[in-house]
Amino acid sequence: MFLGHTILAESNMNVTRVYSIILAFAVGIFLHVSTTIIFEADEDHRLSWRKALAILLGLALVLFL
């Protein structure tokens, strides 16, 4: 919030554009953390067929909604 407020106060950027930039960073961080958890959960750091199936089903669900 502080970063967004500072960017808006210091520049003449559109609020929607600043919101989009900050949201892109937040989503990127969440994706990085979640993929790290998925791939590093096993001792061998391998992707099992169940994890791959869950990822594909989640992707399909998002694409069809």
PDB file of N, CA and C in Angstrom:
ATOM      1  N   MET A   1       0.821  -1.184   0.000  1.00  0.00           N
ATOM      2  CA  MET A   1       0.000   0.000   0.000  1.00  0.00           C
ATOM      3  C   MET A   1       0.871   1.256   0.000  1.00  0.00           C
ATOM      4  N   PHE A   2       1.944   1.211   0.785  1.00  0.00           N
ATOM      5  CA  PHE A   2       2.838   2.358   0.844  1.00  0.00           C
ATOM      6  C   PHE A   2       3.495   2.599  -0.507  1.00  0.00           C
ATOM      7  N   LEU A   3       3.915   1.516  -1.155  1.00  0.00           N
ATOM      8  CA  LEU A   3       4.533   1.636  -2.475  1.00  0.00           C
ATOM      9  C   LEU A   3       3.558   2.237  -3.480  1.00  0.00           C
ATOM     10  N   GLY A   4       2.327   1.766  -3.493  1.00  0.00           N
ATOM     11  CA  GLY A   4       1.335   2.314  -4.405  1.00  0.00           C
ATOM     12  C   GLY A   4       1.043   3.778  -4.127  1.00  0.00           C
ATOM     13  N   HIS A   5       0.932   4.134  -2.862  1.00  0.00           N
ATOM     14  CA  HIS A   5       0.688   5.528  -2.500  1.00  0.00           C
ATOM     15  C   HIS A   5       1.857   6.414  -2.938  1.00  0.00           C
ATOM     16  N   THR A   6       3.068   5.930  -2.723  1.00  0.00           N
ATOM     17  CA  THR A   6       4.256   6.696  -3.107  1.00  0.00           C
ATOM     18  C   THR A   6       4.334   6.885  -4.616  1.00  0.00           C
ATOM     19  N   ILE A   7       4.071   5.828  -5.360  1.00  0.00           N
ATOM     20  CA  ILE A   7       4.119   5.926  -6.823  1.00  0.00           C
ATOM     21  C   ILE A   7       3.069   6.910  -7.330  1.00  0.00           C
ATOM     22  N   LEU A   8       1.859   6.842  -6.774  1.00  0.00           N
ATOM     23  CA  LEU A   8       0.807   7.757  -7.207  1.00  0.00           C
ATOM     24  C   LEU A   8       1.114   9.198  -6.824  1.00  0.00           C
ATOM     25  N   ALA A   9       1.718   9.402  -5.670  1.00  0.00           N
ATOM     26  CA  ALA A   9       2.007  10.761  -5.215  1.00  0.00           C
ATOM     27  C   ALA A   9       3.158  11.386  -6.011  1.00  0.00           C
ATOM     28  N   GLU A  10       4.113  10.571  -6.439  1.00  0.00           N
ATOM     29  CA  GLU A  10       5.303  11.086  -7.109  1.00  0.00           C
ATOM     30  C   GLU A  10       5.159  11.190  -8.618  1.00  0.00           C
ATOM     31  N   SER A  11       4.150  10.591  -9.183  1.00  0.00           N
ATOM     32  CA  SER A  11       4.020  10.611 -10.644  1.00  0.00           C
ATOM     33  C   SER A  11       2.597  10.993 -11.029  1.00  0.00           C
ATOM     34  N   ASN A  12       2.416  11.160 -12.305  1.00  0.00           N
ATOM     35  CA  ASN A  12       1.082  11.480 -12.804  1.00  0.00           C
ATOM     36  C   ASN A  12       0.473  10.272 -13.525  1.00  0.00           C
ATOM     37  N   MET A  13       0.823   9.071 -13.041  1.00  0.00           N
ATOM     38  CA  MET A  13       0.306   7.849 -13.646  1.00  0.00           C
ATOM     39  C   MET A  13      -1.155   7.645 -13.280  1.00  0.00           C
ATOM     40  N   ASN A  14      -1.841   6.927 -14.122  1.00  0.00           N
ATOM     41  CA  ASN A  14      -3.234   6.580 -13.908  1.00  0.00           C
ATOM     42  C   ASN A  14      -3.337   5.569 -12.756  1.00  0.00           C
ATOM     43  N   VAL A  15      -4.353   5.697 -11.928  1.00  0.00           N
ATOM     44  CA  VAL A  15      -4.537   4.811 -10.783  1.00  0.00           C
ATOM     45  C   VAL A  15      -4.680   3.360 -11.236  1.00  0.00           C
ATOM     46  N   THR A  16      -5.388   3.134 -12.309  1.00  0.00           N
ATOM     47  CA  THR A  16      -5.591   1.780 -12.816  1.00  0.00           C
ATOM     48  C   THR A  16      -4.275   1.158 -13.247  1.00  0.00           C
ATOM     49  N   ARG A  17      -3.425   1.944 -13.877  1.00  0.00           N
ATOM     50  CA  ARG A  17      -2.122   1.426 -14.315  1.00  0.00           C
ATOM     51  C   ARG A  17      -1.245   1.055 -13.124  1.00  0.00           C
ATOM     52  N   VAL A  18      -1.213   1.907 -12.120  1.00  0.00           N
ATOM     53  CA  VAL A  18      -0.419   1.614 -10.920  1.00  0.00           C
ATOM     54  C   VAL A  18      -0.956   0.365 -10.232  1.00  0.00           C
ATOM     55  N   TYR A  19      -2.282   0.257 -10.127  1.00  0.00           N
ATOM     56  CA  TYR A  19      -2.896  -0.923  -9.528  1.00  0.00           C
ATOM     57  C   TYR A  19      -2.513  -2.178 -10.303  1.00  0.00           C
ATOM     58  N   SER A  20      -2.505  -2.118 -11.617  1.00  0.00           N
ATOM     59  CA  SER A  20      -2.149  -3.266 -12.447  1.00  0.00           C
ATOM     60  C   SER A  20      -0.707  -3.681 -12.233  1.00  0.00           C
ATOM     61  N   ILE A  21       0.194  -2.724 -12.120  1.00  0.00           N
ATOM     62  CA  ILE A  21       1.610  -3.024 -11.900  1.00  0.00           C
ATOM     63  C   ILE A  21       1.816  -3.690 -10.550  1.00  0.00           C
ATOM     64  N   ILE A  22       1.212  -3.131  -9.504  1.00  0.00           N
ATOM     65  CA  ILE A  22       1.374  -3.703  -8.169  1.00  0.00           C
ATOM     66  C   ILE A  22       0.721  -5.084  -8.086  1.00  0.00           C
ATOM     67  N   LEU A  23      -0.432  -5.257  -8.711  1.00  0.00           N
ATOM     68  CA  LEU A  23      -1.098  -6.554  -8.727  1.00  0.00           C
ATOM     69  C   LEU A  23      -0.255  -7.598  -9.462  1.00  0.00           C
ATOM     70  N   ALA A  24       0.415  -7.191 -10.539  1.00  0.00           N
ATOM     71  CA  ALA A  24       1.284  -8.113 -11.272  1.00  0.00           C
ATOM     72  C   ALA A  24       2.432  -8.593 -10.394  1.00  0.00           C
ATOM     73  N   PHE A  25       3.024  -7.706  -9.614  1.00  0.00           N
ATOM     74  CA  PHE A  25       4.082  -8.117  -8.691  1.00  0.00           C
ATOM     75  C   PHE A  25       3.551  -9.073  -7.627  1.00  0.00           C
ATOM     76  N   ALA A  26       2.393  -8.775  -7.063  1.00  0.00           N
ATOM     77  CA  ALA A  26       1.818  -9.625  -6.016  1.00  0.00           C
ATOM     78  C   ALA A  26       1.494 -11.016  -6.550  1.00  0.00           C
ATOM     79  N   VAL A  27       0.904 -11.091  -7.734  1.00  0.00           N
ATOM     80  CA  VAL A  27       0.571 -12.380  -8.328  1.00  0.00           C
ATOM     81  C   VAL A  27       1.845 -13.163  -8.646  1.00  0.00           C
ATOM     82  N   GLY A  28       2.857 -12.492  -9.132  1.00  0.00           N
ATOM     83  CA  GLY A  28       4.128 -13.155  -9.409  1.00  0.00           C
ATOM     84  C   GLY A  28       4.751 -13.748  -8.163  1.00  0.00           C
ATOM     85  N   ILE A  29       4.685 -13.022  -7.064  1.00  0.00           N
ATOM     86  CA  ILE A  29       5.225 -13.535  -5.799  1.00  0.00           C
ATOM     87  C   ILE A  29       4.439 -14.760  -5.348  1.00  0.00           C
ATOM     88  N   PHE A  30       3.101 -14.684  -5.412  1.00  0.00           N
ATOM     89  CA  PHE A  30       2.281 -15.836  -5.024  1.00  0.00           C
ATOM     90  C   PHE A  30       2.563 -17.049  -5.911  1.00  0.00           C
ATOM     91  N   LEU A  31       2.719 -16.844  -7.208  1.00  0.00           N
ATOM     92  CA  LEU A  31       3.032 -17.962  -8.101  1.00  0.00           C
ATOM     93  C   LEU A  31       4.387 -18.569  -7.787  1.00  0.00           C
ATOM     94  N   HIS A  32       5.373 -17.728  -7.495  1.00  0.00           N
ATOM     95  CA  HIS A  32       6.701 -18.228  -7.157  1.00  0.00           C
ATOM     96  C   HIS A  32       6.651 -19.067  -5.890  1.00  0.00           C
ATOM     97  N   VAL A  33       5.985 -18.574  -4.867  1.00  0.00           N
ATOM     98  CA  VAL A  33       5.908 -19.309  -3.603  1.00  0.00           C
ATOM     99  C   VAL A  33       5.147 -20.621  -3.782  1.00  0.00           C
ATOM    100  N   SER A  34       4.029 -20.585  -4.482  1.00  0.00           N
ATOM    101  CA  SER A  34       3.234 -21.809  -4.635  1.00  0.00           C
ATOM    102  C   SER A  34       3.952 -22.857  -5.470  1.00  0.00           C
ATOM    103  N   THR A  35       4.616 -22.458  -6.537  1.00  0.00           N
ATOM    104  CA  THR A  35       5.342 -23.456  -7.333  1.00  0.00           C
ATOM    105  C   THR A  35       6.541 -24.007  -6.577  1.00  0.00           C
ATOM    106  N   THR A  36       7.174 -23.188  -5.767  1.00  0.00           N
ATOM    107  CA  THR A  36       8.280 -23.682  -4.948  1.00  0.00           C
ATOM    108  C   THR A  36       7.774 -24.720  -3.954  1.00  0.00           C
ATOM    109  N   ILE A  37       6.636 -24.476  -3.341  1.00  0.00           N
ATOM    110  CA  ILE A  37       6.063 -25.430  -2.401  1.00  0.00           C
ATOM    111  C   ILE A  37       5.693 -26.727  -3.114  1.00  0.00           C
ATOM    112  N   ILE A  38       5.104 -26.624  -4.296  1.00  0.00           N
ATOM    113  CA  ILE A  38       4.695 -27.823  -5.037  1.00  0.00           C
ATOM    114  C   ILE A  38       5.908 -28.667  -5.415  1.00  0.00           C
ATOM    115  N   PHE A  39       6.953 -28.058  -5.951  1.00  0.00           N
ATOM    116  CA  PHE A  39       8.082 -28.820  -6.465  1.00  0.00           C
ATOM    117  C   PHE A  39       9.082 -29.230  -5.388  1.00  0.00           C
ATOM    118  N   GLU A  40       9.144 -28.523  -4.279  1.00  0.00           N
ATOM    119  CA  GLU A  40      10.129 -28.838  -3.245  1.00  0.00           C
ATOM    120  C   GLU A  40       9.546 -29.682  -2.114  1.00  0.00           C
ATOM    121  N   ALA A  41       8.309 -30.122  -2.216  1.00  0.00           N
ATOM    122  CA  ALA A  41       7.676 -30.864  -1.129  1.00  0.00           C
ATOM    123  C   ALA A  41       8.222 -32.284  -1.002  1.00  0.00           C
ATOM    124  N   ASP A  42       8.646 -32.889  -2.078  1.00  0.00           N
ATOM    125  CA  ASP A  42       9.172 -34.255  -2.036  1.00  0.00           C
ATOM    126  C   ASP A  42      10.647 -34.268  -1.669  1.00  0.00           C
ATOM    127  N   GLU A  43      11.087 -35.401  -1.168  1.00  0.00           N
ATOM    128  CA  GLU A  43      12.507 -35.541  -0.828  1.00  0.00           C
ATOM    129  C   GLU A  43      13.377 -35.484  -2.082  1.00  0.00           C
ATOM    130  N   ASP A  44      12.900 -36.071  -3.165  1.00  0.00           N
ATOM    131  CA  ASP A  44      13.689 -36.126  -4.400  1.00  0.00           C
ATOM    132  C   ASP A  44      13.477 -34.913  -5.291  1.00  0.00           C
ATOM    133  N   HIS A  45      12.607 -34.008  -4.890  1.00  0.00           N
ATOM    134  CA  HIS A  45      12.290 -32.806  -5.674  1.00  0.00           C
ATOM    135  C   HIS A  45      11.807 -33.170  -7.071  1.00  0.00           C
ATOM    136  N   ARG A  46      10.944 -34.179  -7.122  1.00  0.00           N
ATOM    137  CA  ARG A  46      10.389 -34.628  -8.393  1.00  0.00           C
ATOM    138  C   ARG A  46       8.897 -34.376  -8.417  1.00  0.00           C
ATOM    139  N   LEU A  47       8.354 -34.252  -9.596  1.00  0.00           N
ATOM    140  CA  LEU A  47       6.930 -34.014  -9.781  1.00  0.00           C
ATOM    141  C   LEU A  47       6.245 -35.351 -10.020  1.00  0.00           C
ATOM    142  N   SER A  48       5.337 -35.731  -9.117  1.00  0.00           N
ATOM    143  CA  SER A  48       4.633 -36.996  -9.270  1.00  0.00           C
ATOM    144  C   SER A  48       3.459 -36.813 -10.232  1.00  0.00           C
ATOM    145  N   TRP A  49       2.916 -37.930 -10.676  1.00  0.00           N
ATOM    146  CA  TRP A  49       1.797 -37.861 -11.616  1.00  0.00           C
ATOM    147  C   TRP A  49       0.562 -37.274 -10.947  1.00  0.00           C
ATOM    148  N   ARG A  50       0.401 -37.471  -9.634  1.00  0.00           N
ATOM    149  CA  ARG A  50      -0.751 -36.894  -8.937  1.00  0.00           C
ATOM    150  C   ARG A  50      -0.663 -35.379  -8.874  1.00  0.00           C
ATOM    151  N   LYS A  51       0.537 -34.871  -8.630  1.00  0.00           N
ATOM    152  CA  LYS A  51       0.711 -33.413  -8.608  1.00  0.00           C
ATOM    153  C   LYS A  51       0.488 -32.822  -9.999  1.00  0.00           C
ATOM    154  N   ALA A  52       1.020 -33.487 -11.009  1.00  0.00           N
ATOM    155  CA  ALA A  52       0.844 -33.000 -12.383  1.00  0.00           C
ATOM    156  C   ALA A  52      -0.628 -33.011 -12.771  1.00  0.00           C
ATOM    157  N   LEU A  53      -1.352 -34.052 -12.365  1.00  0.00           N
ATOM    158  CA  LEU A  53      -2.784 -34.126 -12.657  1.00  0.00           C
ATOM    159  C   LEU A  53      -3.546 -33.017 -11.930  1.00  0.00           C
ATOM    160  N   ALA A  54      -3.189 -32.752 -10.675  1.00  0.00           N
ATOM    161  CA  ALA A  54      -3.855 -31.688  -9.919  1.00  0.00           C
ATOM    162  C   ALA A  54      -3.590 -30.319 -10.544  1.00  0.00           C
ATOM    163  N   ILE A  55      -2.373 -30.098 -11.015  1.00  0.00           N
ATOM    164  CA  ILE A  55      -2.028 -28.835 -11.674  1.00  0.00           C
ATOM    165  C   ILE A  55      -2.832 -28.677 -12.962  1.00  0.00           C
ATOM    166  N   LEU A  56      -2.904 -29.725 -13.757  1.00  0.00           N
ATOM    167  CA  LEU A  56      -3.644 -29.664 -15.018  1.00  0.00           C
ATOM    168  C   LEU A  56      -5.140 -29.480 -14.791  1.00  0.00           C
ATOM    169  N   LEU A  57      -5.701 -30.142 -13.779  1.00  0.00           N
ATOM    170  CA  LEU A  57      -7.120 -29.968 -13.470  1.00  0.00           C
ATOM    171  C   LEU A  57      -7.401 -28.550 -12.985  1.00  0.00           C
ATOM    172  N   GLY A  58      -6.515 -28.004 -12.172  1.00  0.00           N
ATOM    173  CA  GLY A  58      -6.673 -26.632 -11.722  1.00  0.00           C
ATOM    174  C   GLY A  58      -6.587 -25.645 -12.876  1.00  0.00           C
ATOM    175  N   LEU A  59      -5.667 -25.867 -13.782  1.00  0.00           N
ATOM    176  CA  LEU A  59      -5.528 -25.016 -14.957  1.00  0.00           C
ATOM    177  C   LEU A  59      -6.774 -25.093 -15.831  1.00  0.00           C
ATOM    178  N   ALA A  60      -7.287 -26.306 -16.033  1.00  0.00           N
ATOM    179  CA  ALA A  60      -8.499 -26.482 -16.834  1.00  0.00           C
ATOM    180  C   ALA A  60      -9.690 -25.780 -16.178  1.00  0.00           C
ATOM    181  N   LEU A  61      -9.773 -25.878 -14.865  1.00  0.00           N
ATOM    182  CA  LEU A  61     -10.866 -25.227 -14.156  1.00  0.00           C
ATOM    183  C   LEU A  61     -10.818 -23.718 -14.322  1.00  0.00           C
ATOM    184  N   VAL A  62      -9.630 -23.157 -14.223  1.00  0.00           N
ATOM    185  CA  VAL A  62      -9.466 -21.701 -14.386  1.00  0.00           C
ATOM    186  C   VAL A  62      -9.786 -21.279 -15.819  1.00  0.00           C
ATOM    187  N   LEU A  63      -9.370 -22.049 -16.785  1.00  0.00           N
ATOM    188  CA  LEU A  63      -9.606 -21.685 -18.180  1.00  0.00           C
ATOM    189  C   LEU A  63     -11.073 -21.756 -18.562  1.00  0.00           C
ATOM    190  N   PHE A  64     -11.833 -22.662 -17.951  1.00  0.00           N
ATOM    191  CA  PHE A  64     -13.234 -22.809 -18.305  1.00  0.00           C
ATOM    192  C   PHE A  64     -14.151 -21.932 -17.482  1.00  0.00           C
ATOM    193  N   LEU A  65     -13.642 -21.310 -16.441  1.00  0.00           N
ATOM    194  CA  LEU A  65     -14.487 -20.407 -15.647  1.00  0.00           C
ATOM    195  C   LEU A  65     -14.340 -19.061 -16.207  1.00  0.00           C
TER     196      LEU A  65
END
